[in-house]
């Protein structure tokens, strides 16, 4: 399941974040890549633990845990601290699949990467190229979202970032370990939750809502891992 989550940050917030990122000291993006991924990765990144990355990441997580769409789709258990990257001057990241497990720097806790996410900080018209290409059941999806919007997709997906030939593409990326490991099960629960919420608005007193909600929680109880 590929999901567009709009408006995590407002336009004025995005402007302040971009200005801070433009003045930051960037490092080679290979610092967080695995052996195979490092061969395909050509971008810049703020090191893990960088004060600016931590500040922006904390604000992101605060928004995400309050975002109904993210909570319903991801059913999050753990979230890897968001990282910041920059693609410019031909920077790209060829097709790859993210590492299955990530361990934050300085932490003993590990995060299984059930879901990958990219939050865009640059407006689409500010750079050429830089599309996130994701291969899924329905073919290749090309994603280039407005600043402040995020895309969420399965961590098992083959994906790449096309070369940026003009301007700079600033973004954040991170991973989520879900309470429900299987993407197909999460997708079913997400669709059911959406239907329940819509019916609650349209026919709030319908007796079948109790049964449908009960079925949702019984499926969640069967599939959840804690």
Protein backbone atom coordinates (compact mmCIF):
# COMPACT_ATOMS: atom_id res chain seq x y z
CA UNK A 1 0.00 0.00 0.00
CA UNK A 2 1.31 3.40 -1.04
CA UNK A 3 -0.24 6.32 0.84
CA UNK A 4 0.02 10.10 0.42
CA UNK A 5 -0.26 11.94 3.76
CA UNK A 6 -0.71 15.68 3.12
CA UNK A 7 0.07 18.73 5.20
CA UNK A 8 2.22 17.54 8.09
CA UNK A 9 3.81 21.00 8.06
CA UNK A 10 2.44 24.34 6.89
CA UNK A 11 4.12 26.36 4.14
CA UNK A 12 5.66 28.90 6.53
CA UNK A 13 7.09 26.08 8.64
CA UNK A 14 8.56 24.51 5.51
CA UNK A 15 10.25 27.77 4.59
CA UNK A 16 11.96 28.00 7.99
CA UNK A 17 13.06 24.34 7.81
CA UNK A 18 14.48 24.79 4.30
CA UNK A 19 16.42 27.87 5.35
CA UNK A 20 17.96 25.95 8.25
CA UNK A 21 18.82 23.00 6.02
CA UNK A 22 20.43 25.24 3.41
CA UNK A 23 22.85 26.51 6.06
CA UNK A 24 23.65 23.10 7.56
CA UNK A 25 26.91 21.16 7.27
CA UNK A 26 26.16 18.10 5.14
CA UNK A 27 28.03 14.80 4.96
CA UNK A 28 28.24 12.05 2.34
CA UNK A 29 24.98 10.07 2.35
CA UNK A 30 26.85 6.76 2.28
CA UNK A 31 27.35 7.04 6.06
CA UNK A 32 24.03 5.30 6.71
CA UNK A 33 23.93 2.98 3.67
CA UNK A 34 24.54 -0.74 3.73
CA UNK A 35 27.30 -2.29 1.60
CA UNK A 36 25.17 -2.79 -1.51
CA UNK A 37 23.18 0.43 -1.14
CA UNK A 38 26.37 2.49 -0.80
CA UNK A 39 27.25 1.59 -4.39
CA UNK A 40 24.02 3.21 -5.63
CA UNK A 41 23.74 6.15 -3.22
CA UNK A 42 24.95 9.60 -4.30
CA UNK A 43 23.52 12.28 -2.04
CA UNK A 44 24.16 14.36 1.07
CA UNK A 45 22.89 13.69 4.57
CA UNK A 46 22.93 15.18 8.04
CA UNK A 47 24.76 12.78 10.37
CA UNK A 48 22.66 10.84 12.89
CA UNK A 49 22.43 12.84 16.08
CA UNK A 50 22.95 16.18 14.32
CA UNK A 51 21.13 18.86 16.42
CA UNK A 52 19.11 20.13 13.45
CA UNK A 53 18.09 16.61 12.41
CA UNK A 54 17.00 15.87 15.97
CA UNK A 55 14.99 19.10 16.20
CA UNK A 56 13.18 18.56 12.90
CA UNK A 57 12.74 14.85 13.61
CA UNK A 58 11.15 15.51 17.00
CA UNK A 59 8.66 17.91 15.40
CA UNK A 60 7.85 15.32 12.74
CA UNK A 61 7.22 12.56 15.25
CA UNK A 62 5.00 14.83 17.32
CA UNK A 63 2.85 15.46 14.22
CA UNK A 64 2.84 11.83 13.12
CA UNK A 65 1.63 10.41 16.42
CA UNK A 66 -1.30 12.85 16.23
CA UNK A 67 -2.06 12.18 12.55
CA UNK A 68 -5.11 9.88 12.14
CA UNK A 69 -4.15 8.80 8.61
CA UNK A 70 -0.63 7.75 9.64
CA UNK A 71 -1.84 6.00 12.79
CA UNK A 72 -4.52 4.07 10.90
CA UNK A 73 -2.27 3.04 8.01
CA UNK A 74 0.98 2.34 9.88
CA UNK A 75 -0.30 1.07 13.24
CA UNK A 76 3.12 2.14 14.56
CA UNK A 77 5.01 0.31 17.28
CA UNK A 78 8.47 1.90 16.87
CA UNK A 79 9.71 4.72 14.63
CA UNK A 80 13.34 5.15 13.63
CA UNK A 81 14.47 8.75 14.33
CA UNK A 82 13.97 10.68 11.07
CA UNK A 83 17.03 11.41 8.96
CA UNK A 84 17.55 14.37 6.60
CA UNK A 85 18.98 14.25 3.09
CA UNK A 86 19.72 16.51 0.15
CA UNK A 87 19.95 15.69 -3.55
CA UNK A 88 21.60 18.26 -5.81
CA UNK A 89 24.08 18.55 -8.71
CA UNK A 90 23.10 15.21 -10.25
CA UNK A 91 22.69 13.40 -6.93
CA UNK A 92 20.63 10.20 -7.09
CA UNK A 93 19.99 6.86 -5.39
CA UNK A 94 19.55 3.93 -7.76
CA UNK A 95 17.10 1.05 -7.22
CA UNK A 96 17.46 -0.66 -3.84
CA UNK A 97 15.51 -2.19 -0.97
CA UNK A 98 16.01 -0.75 2.50
CA UNK A 99 17.76 -2.81 5.18
CA UNK A 100 15.31 -5.01 7.08
CA UNK A 101 16.48 -3.85 10.51
CA UNK A 102 17.85 -0.50 11.63
CA UNK A 103 19.52 0.42 14.91
CA UNK A 104 19.62 4.11 15.87
CA UNK A 105 23.11 5.38 16.67
CA UNK A 106 23.83 5.10 20.39
CA UNK A 107 20.76 2.96 21.07
CA UNK A 108 20.39 -0.74 21.85
CA UNK A 109 16.89 -0.78 20.37
CA UNK A 110 16.34 -2.12 16.88
CA UNK A 111 13.58 -1.20 14.45
CA UNK A 112 12.19 -3.61 11.85
CA UNK A 113 11.58 -1.53 8.70
CA UNK A 114 8.03 -2.59 7.83
CA UNK A 115 7.25 0.83 6.34
CA UNK A 116 9.42 3.43 4.63
CA UNK A 117 8.50 7.10 4.47
CA UNK A 118 9.71 10.29 2.77
CA UNK A 119 8.62 13.77 3.84
CA UNK A 120 9.33 16.43 1.21
CA UNK A 121 10.76 19.80 2.30
CA UNK A 122 11.27 21.32 -1.19
CA UNK A 123 8.48 22.41 -3.51
CA UNK A 124 8.31 20.38 -6.77
CA UNK A 125 8.99 23.47 -8.91
CA UNK A 126 12.21 24.22 -6.99
CA UNK A 127 14.10 21.32 -8.58
CA UNK A 128 14.15 19.14 -11.69
CA UNK A 129 14.21 15.37 -11.35
CA UNK A 130 14.34 13.91 -7.87
CA UNK A 131 11.21 11.79 -8.22
CA UNK A 132 10.89 8.90 -5.79
CA UNK A 133 10.14 5.84 -7.93
CA UNK A 134 8.51 2.92 -6.13
CA UNK A 135 7.77 -0.44 -7.72
CA UNK A 136 4.59 -2.01 -6.40
CA UNK A 137 1.81 -4.39 -7.45
CA UNK A 138 0.41 -1.84 -9.91
CA UNK A 139 3.71 -0.97 -11.58
CA UNK A 140 6.14 1.88 -10.98
CA UNK A 141 4.79 4.86 -9.06
CA UNK A 142 6.58 8.22 -9.41
CA UNK A 143 6.22 10.47 -6.36
CA UNK A 144 7.10 14.16 -6.16
CA UNK A 145 4.98 15.86 -3.51
CA UNK A 146 4.47 19.44 -2.27
CA UNK A 147 6.60 20.58 0.66
CA UNK A 148 5.11 19.34 3.93
CA UNK A 149 3.56 16.21 2.39
CA UNK A 150 4.71 12.64 3.04
CA UNK A 151 4.52 9.32 1.25
CA UNK A 152 4.30 6.03 3.17
CA UNK A 153 5.04 2.70 1.46
CA UNK A 154 6.10 -0.88 2.28
CA UNK A 155 9.74 -1.29 3.30
CA UNK A 156 9.92 -4.33 1.03
CA UNK A 157 9.51 -2.13 -2.06
CA UNK A 158 12.20 -1.71 -4.68
CA UNK A 159 12.66 2.05 -5.05
CA UNK A 160 15.02 4.80 -6.18
CA UNK A 161 15.44 8.59 -6.30
CA UNK A 162 16.01 10.01 -9.77
CA UNK A 163 18.91 12.38 -10.36
CA UNK A 164 18.31 16.03 -9.45
CA UNK A 165 19.51 18.09 -12.41
CA UNK A 166 18.50 21.56 -11.18
CA UNK A 167 18.08 23.01 -7.70
CA UNK A 168 18.08 21.00 -4.48
CA UNK A 169 15.68 18.40 -3.12
CA UNK A 170 15.55 18.48 0.70
CA UNK A 171 13.63 15.71 2.45
CA UNK A 172 13.41 13.51 5.51
CA UNK A 173 13.24 9.73 5.46
CA UNK A 174 12.59 7.18 8.18
CA UNK A 175 11.17 3.75 8.93
CA UNK A 176 8.35 2.40 11.06
CA UNK A 177 7.99 -0.96 12.75
CA UNK A 178 4.28 -1.70 12.72
CA UNK A 179 2.23 -3.64 15.24
CA UNK A 180 1.13 -5.65 12.17
CA UNK A 181 4.06 -7.03 10.17
CA UNK A 182 2.32 -7.99 6.91
CA UNK A 183 1.49 -5.21 4.45
CA UNK A 184 -1.60 -7.03 3.13
CA UNK A 185 -3.03 -7.29 6.64
CA UNK A 186 -2.30 -3.63 7.39
CA UNK A 187 -3.99 -2.65 4.12
CA UNK A 188 -7.12 -4.64 5.02
CA UNK A 189 -7.28 -3.06 8.48
CA UNK A 190 -6.75 0.41 7.01
CA UNK A 191 -9.62 -0.04 4.54
CA UNK A 192 -11.88 -1.38 7.28
CA UNK A 193 -10.99 1.46 9.64
CA UNK A 194 -11.75 3.99 6.91
CA UNK A 195 -15.14 2.38 6.25
CA UNK A 196 -15.98 2.38 9.96
CA UNK A 197 -15.09 6.07 10.27
CA UNK A 198 -17.19 6.98 7.22
CA UNK A 199 -20.19 4.99 8.42
CA UNK A 200 -19.85 6.59 11.85
CA UNK A 201 -20.32 9.97 10.18
CA UNK A 202 -23.09 8.89 7.79
CA UNK A 203 -25.18 6.51 9.93
CA UNK A 204 -23.82 6.85 13.49
CA UNK A 205 -26.63 4.84 15.10
CA UNK A 206 -26.56 1.85 12.76
CA UNK A 207 -26.35 -1.34 14.88
CA UNK A 208 -23.95 -3.04 12.43
CA UNK A 209 -21.26 -0.52 13.35
CA UNK A 210 -20.73 -2.32 16.66
CA UNK A 211 -20.25 -5.65 14.88
CA UNK A 212 -17.96 -4.16 12.24
CA UNK A 213 -15.83 -2.41 14.87
CA UNK A 214 -15.64 -5.64 16.83
CA UNK A 215 -14.47 -7.51 13.74
CA UNK A 216 -11.75 -4.89 13.18
CA UNK A 217 -10.41 -5.33 16.70
CA UNK A 218 -10.61 -9.12 16.54
CA UNK A 219 -8.53 -9.09 13.34
CA UNK A 220 -6.08 -6.66 14.94
CA UNK A 221 -5.88 -8.91 18.01
CA UNK A 222 -5.07 -11.89 15.77
CA UNK A 223 -2.36 -10.14 13.76
CA UNK A 224 -0.74 -7.74 16.20
CA UNK A 225 2.81 -8.31 17.48
CA UNK A 226 3.97 -6.53 20.64
